[in-house]
C-alpha atoms as a PDB file:
ATOM      1  CA  MET A   1      83.170 105.401  89.790  1.00  0.00           C
ATOM      2  CA  GLY A   2      84.595 108.301  91.469  1.00  0.00           C
ATOM      3  CA  THR A   3      88.033 109.836  91.642  1.00  0.00           C
ATOM      4  CA  THR A   4      89.212 108.581  94.929  1.00  0.00           C
ATOM      5  CA  ASP A   5      91.101 105.487  95.548  1.00  0.00           C
ATOM      6  CA  TYR A   6      89.317 102.153  95.972  1.00  0.00           C
ATOM      7  CA  GLU A   7      89.861  98.560  95.211  1.00  0.00           C
ATOM      8  CA  ILE A   8      87.352  95.775  93.875  1.00  0.00           C
ATOM      9  CA  LEU A   9      87.747  92.495  95.718  1.00  0.00           C
ATOM     10  CA  LEU A  10      86.391  89.518  93.689  1.00  0.00           C
ATOM     11  CA  VAL A  11      85.833  86.527  96.069  1.00  0.00           C
ATOM     12  CA  ASP A  12      84.798  83.411  94.137  1.00  0.00           C
ATOM     13  CA  ASP A  13      86.201  79.458  94.105  1.00  0.00           C
ATOM     14  CA  ASP A  14      85.712  79.372  90.475  1.00  0.00           C
ATOM     15  CA  GLU A  15      88.712  80.469  88.695  1.00  0.00           C
ATOM     16  CA  ILE A  16      86.957  81.100  85.341  1.00  0.00           C
ATOM     17  CA  CYS A  17      84.411  83.296  87.195  1.00  0.00           C
ATOM     18  CA  LEU A  18      87.171  85.294  88.580  1.00  0.00           C
ATOM     19  CA  MET A  19      88.501  85.944  84.959  1.00  0.00           C
ATOM     20  CA  VAL A  20      85.222  86.622  83.559  1.00  0.00           C
ATOM     21  CA  CYS A  21      84.345  89.102  86.358  1.00  0.00           C
ATOM     22  CA  GLU A  22      87.652  90.866  85.966  1.00  0.00           C
ATOM     23  CA  ARG A  23      87.311  91.088  82.212  1.00  0.00           C
ATOM     24  CA  PHE A  24      83.741  92.454  82.594  1.00  0.00           C
ATOM     25  CA  LEU A  25      84.941  95.007  85.020  1.00  0.00           C
ATOM     26  CA  GLN A  26      87.860  96.059  82.679  1.00  0.00           C
ATOM     27  CA  ILE A  27      85.602  96.302  79.943  1.00  0.00           C
ATOM     28  CA  THR A  28      82.786  98.466  81.866  1.00  0.00           C
ATOM     29  CA  GLY A  29      85.884 100.997  82.596  1.00  0.00           C
ATOM     30  CA  SER A  30      86.829 100.157  85.971  1.00  0.00           C
ATOM     31  CA  HIS A  31      90.703 101.307  86.163  1.00  0.00           C
ATOM     32  CA  THR A  32      91.224 100.688  89.789  1.00  0.00           C
ATOM     33  CA  LEU A  33      93.080  97.696  91.717  1.00  0.00           C
ATOM     34  CA  ILE A  34      91.106  94.588  91.151  1.00  0.00           C
ATOM     35  CA  THR A  35      92.068  91.719  93.814  1.00  0.00           C
ATOM     36  CA  LYS A  36      91.202  88.063  93.270  1.00  0.00           C
ATOM     37  CA  VAL A  37      90.926  85.301  96.291  1.00  0.00           C
ATOM     38  CA  VAL A  38      89.136  81.939  96.227  1.00  0.00           C
ATOM     39  CA  ASN A  39      87.255  82.067  99.529  1.00  0.00           C
ATOM     40  CA  GLY A  40      86.115  84.187 102.355  1.00  0.00           C
ATOM     41  CA  ARG A  41      89.227  83.331 104.495  1.00  0.00           C
ATOM     42  CA  ASP A  42      91.612  84.474 101.997  1.00  0.00           C
ATOM     43  CA  ALA A  43      89.403  87.789 101.550  1.00  0.00           C
ATOM     44  CA  LEU A  44      89.255  88.406 105.289  1.00  0.00           C
ATOM     45  CA  ARG A  45      92.952  87.916 105.662  1.00  0.00           C
ATOM     46  CA  HIS A  46      93.589  90.199 102.751  1.00  0.00           C
ATOM     47  CA  LEU A  47      91.477  92.942 104.457  1.00  0.00           C
ATOM     48  CA  LEU A  48      92.976  92.532 107.892  1.00  0.00           C
ATOM     49  CA  ARG A  49      96.472  92.261 106.374  1.00  0.00           C
ATOM     50  CA  ASP A  50      96.237  95.587 104.402  1.00  0.00           C
ATOM     51  CA  ASN A  51      94.158  97.138 106.705  1.00  0.00           C
ATOM     52  CA  PRO A  52      93.033  99.522 103.863  1.00  0.00           C
ATOM     53  CA  THR A  53      91.881 103.084 104.123  1.00  0.00           C
ATOM     54  CA  ARG A  54      90.707 103.031 100.687  1.00  0.00           C
ATOM     55  CA  ASN A  55      86.982 102.009  99.738  1.00  0.00           C
ATOM     56  CA  ILE A  56      86.567  98.531  98.939  1.00  0.00           C
ATOM     57  CA  LEU A  57      83.777  96.935  96.840  1.00  0.00           C
ATOM     58  CA  VAL A  58      83.779  93.136  97.348  1.00  0.00           C
ATOM     59  CA  LEU A  59      82.013  91.109  94.776  1.00  0.00           C
ATOM     60  CA  LEU A  60      81.276  87.845  96.691  1.00  0.00           C
ATOM     61  CA  ASP A  61      80.304  84.478  95.747  1.00  0.00           C
ATOM     62  CA  LEU A  62      78.072  82.626  98.712  1.00  0.00           C
ATOM     63  CA  ASN A  63      78.958  79.108  98.007  1.00  0.00           C
ATOM     64  CA  MET A  64      82.539  78.330  98.585  1.00  0.00           C
ATOM     65  CA  PRO A  65      84.957  75.890 100.405  1.00  0.00           C
ATOM     66  CA  ILE A  66      86.971  76.981 103.611  1.00  0.00           C
ATOM     67  CA  MET A  67      84.781  80.093 104.605  1.00  0.00           C
ATOM     68  CA  ASN A  68      81.606  80.636 102.486  1.00  0.00           C
ATOM     69  CA  GLY A  69      80.077  84.039 101.689  1.00  0.00           C
ATOM     70  CA  TRP A  70      77.792  84.099 104.665  1.00  0.00           C
ATOM     71  CA  GLU A  71      80.719  83.291 107.227  1.00  0.00           C
ATOM     72  CA  PHE A  72      82.851  86.155 105.699  1.00  0.00           C
ATOM     73  CA  LEU A  73      79.735  88.612 105.990  1.00  0.00           C
ATOM     74  CA  ASP A  74      79.324  87.564 109.744  1.00  0.00           C
ATOM     75  CA  CYS A  75      82.850  88.506 110.221  1.00  0.00           C
ATOM     76  CA  LEU A  76      82.803  91.721 108.562  1.00  0.00           C
ATOM     77  CA  LYS A  77      79.535  92.568 110.637  1.00  0.00           C
ATOM     78  CA  CYS A  78      81.567  91.886 114.028  1.00  0.00           C
ATOM     79  CA  ILE A  79      84.585  93.920 112.982  1.00  0.00           C
ATOM     80  CA  GLU A  80      83.981  97.915 113.116  1.00  0.00           C
ATOM     81  CA  MET A  81      87.063  98.900 110.934  1.00  0.00           C
ATOM     82  CA  PHE A  82      85.312  97.733 107.842  1.00  0.00           C
ATOM     83  CA  SER A  83      82.769 100.645 107.263  1.00  0.00           C
ATOM     84  CA  ASN A  84      84.791 101.324 104.106  1.00  0.00           C
ATOM     85  CA  VAL A  85      83.537  98.109 102.686  1.00  0.00           C
ATOM     86  CA  ARG A  86      80.452  97.423 100.519  1.00  0.00           C
ATOM     87  CA  VAL A  87      79.304  94.140  99.283  1.00  0.00           C
ATOM     88  CA  VAL A  88      77.714  92.766  96.143  1.00  0.00           C
ATOM     89  CA  ILE A  89      76.500  89.250  96.650  1.00  0.00           C
ATOM     90  CA  ILE A  90      77.114  87.320  93.165  1.00  0.00           C
ATOM     91  CA  SER A  91      75.547  83.855  93.486  1.00  0.00           C
ATOM     92  CA  SER A  92      74.222  81.081  91.625  1.00  0.00           C
ATOM     93  CA  SER A  93      71.540  80.732  94.536  1.00  0.00           C
ATOM     94  CA  ILE A  94      68.178  81.764  93.523  1.00  0.00           C
ATOM     95  CA  ASP A  95      66.697  80.863  96.910  1.00  0.00           C
ATOM     96  CA  ALA A  96      64.544  83.707  98.095  1.00  0.00           C
ATOM     97  CA  ALA A  97      65.709  83.016 101.603  1.00  0.00           C
ATOM     98  CA  ASP A  98      69.076  83.668 100.526  1.00  0.00           C
ATOM     99  CA  VAL A  99      67.994  87.071  98.938  1.00  0.00           C
ATOM    100  CA  LYS A 100      65.958  87.891 102.170  1.00  0.00           C
ATOM    101  CA  LYS A 101      69.056  87.047 104.464  1.00  0.00           C
ATOM    102  CA  SER A 102      71.498  89.104 102.262  1.00  0.00           C
ATOM    103  CA  HIS A 103      69.214  92.245 103.383  1.00  0.00           C
ATOM    104  CA  THR A 104      70.101  91.392 107.315  1.00  0.00           C
ATOM    105  CA  TYR A 105      73.776  92.492 106.392  1.00  0.00           C
ATOM    106  CA  PRO A 106      74.190  96.363 106.301  1.00  0.00           C
ATOM    107  CA  MET A 107      77.219  96.210 104.010  1.00  0.00           C
ATOM    108  CA  VAL A 108      75.612  94.464 101.299  1.00  0.00           C
ATOM    109  CA  ALA A 109      74.332  96.770  98.495  1.00  0.00           C
ATOM    110  CA  ARG A 110      72.969  94.295  95.944  1.00  0.00           C
ATOM    111  CA  TYR A 111      72.386  90.557  95.274  1.00  0.00           C
ATOM    112  CA  ILE A 112      73.093  89.324  91.804  1.00  0.00           C
ATOM    113  CA  GLU A 113      72.165  85.993  90.392  1.00  0.00           C
ATOM    114  CA  LYS A 114      74.785  83.961  88.131  1.00  0.00           C
ATOM    115  CA  PRO A 115      75.050  83.778  85.375  1.00  0.00           C
ATOM    116  CA  THR A 116      76.027  87.441  84.855  1.00  0.00           C
ATOM    117  CA  GLY A 117      76.941  89.149  81.896  1.00  0.00           C
ATOM    118  CA  ILE A 118      78.369  92.509  80.889  1.00  0.00           C
ATOM    119  CA  LYS A 119      75.129  94.292  81.244  1.00  0.00           C
ATOM    120  CA  THR A 120      75.070  93.324  84.627  1.00  0.00           C
ATOM    121  CA  PHE A 121      78.338  94.816  85.290  1.00  0.00           C
ATOM    122  CA  THR A 122      77.686  97.930  83.286  1.00  0.00           C
ATOM    123  CA  GLU A 123      74.535  98.414  85.680  1.00  0.00           C
ATOM    124  CA  LEU A 124      76.604  97.490  88.756  1.00  0.00           C
ATOM    125  CA  MET A 125      79.382 100.130  87.873  1.00  0.00           C
ATOM    126  CA  ASN A 126      76.746 102.760  87.260  1.00  0.00           C
ATOM    127  CA  ASP A 127      74.746 101.937  90.405  1.00  0.00           C
ATOM    128  CA  PRO A 128      74.016 105.429  91.988  1.00  0.00           C
ATOM    129  CA  GLU A 129      74.387 104.009  95.608  1.00  0.00           C
ATOM    130  CA  LEU A 130      77.797 102.376  94.878  1.00  0.00           C
ATOM    131  CA  LYS A 131      78.941 105.479  92.791  1.00  0.00           C
ATOM    132  CA  GLN A 132      78.130 107.670  95.943  1.00  0.00           C
ATOM    133  CA  PHE A 133      79.954 105.241  98.094  1.00  0.00           C
ATOM    134  CA  PHE A 134      83.145 105.797  96.013  1.00  0.00           C
ATOM    135  CA  GLU A 135      83.090 109.673  95.309  1.00  0.00           C
END
C-alpha cells in the first residue's frame, strides 16, 4: 500500500486463522505493523489505548465470544476519533443479511467470505479504495 505509516489489526478468535492471515499478508508484501487480537473487545481496547494517528486496516471476524464483530462495529460507529479506521469483514457467514448489514457501516470497505486464500489477500492489498486510504 502507500508509504505512510499504517497498521493492520487482525481480529479473530481462531488462532490458526490469525496465523494464516498474518502469513498471507507477509507473502503479499505487507511490511507494516500487524497486531492480532482474539475478540472485538480486545480490538477496541487496542484502538483506545494506542489512540493511533496512523491509518488502521481492521480485518474482522464476525462470530467471536466476549464482543462479536457487529458489536465492535457498533462501537466504532459511535466513536468519532476512529475516522482513520477501515474494516474488511472476513467471515464464515454466507448469509445475505450479514452482507447487507455490513453496508450500513461506513467504515466497512469489503465483505469477504471464509475460507480465504492468497489470491484474496493479494486482491485485498491491491484494492484501489484501500490503497487510496493508505497513501
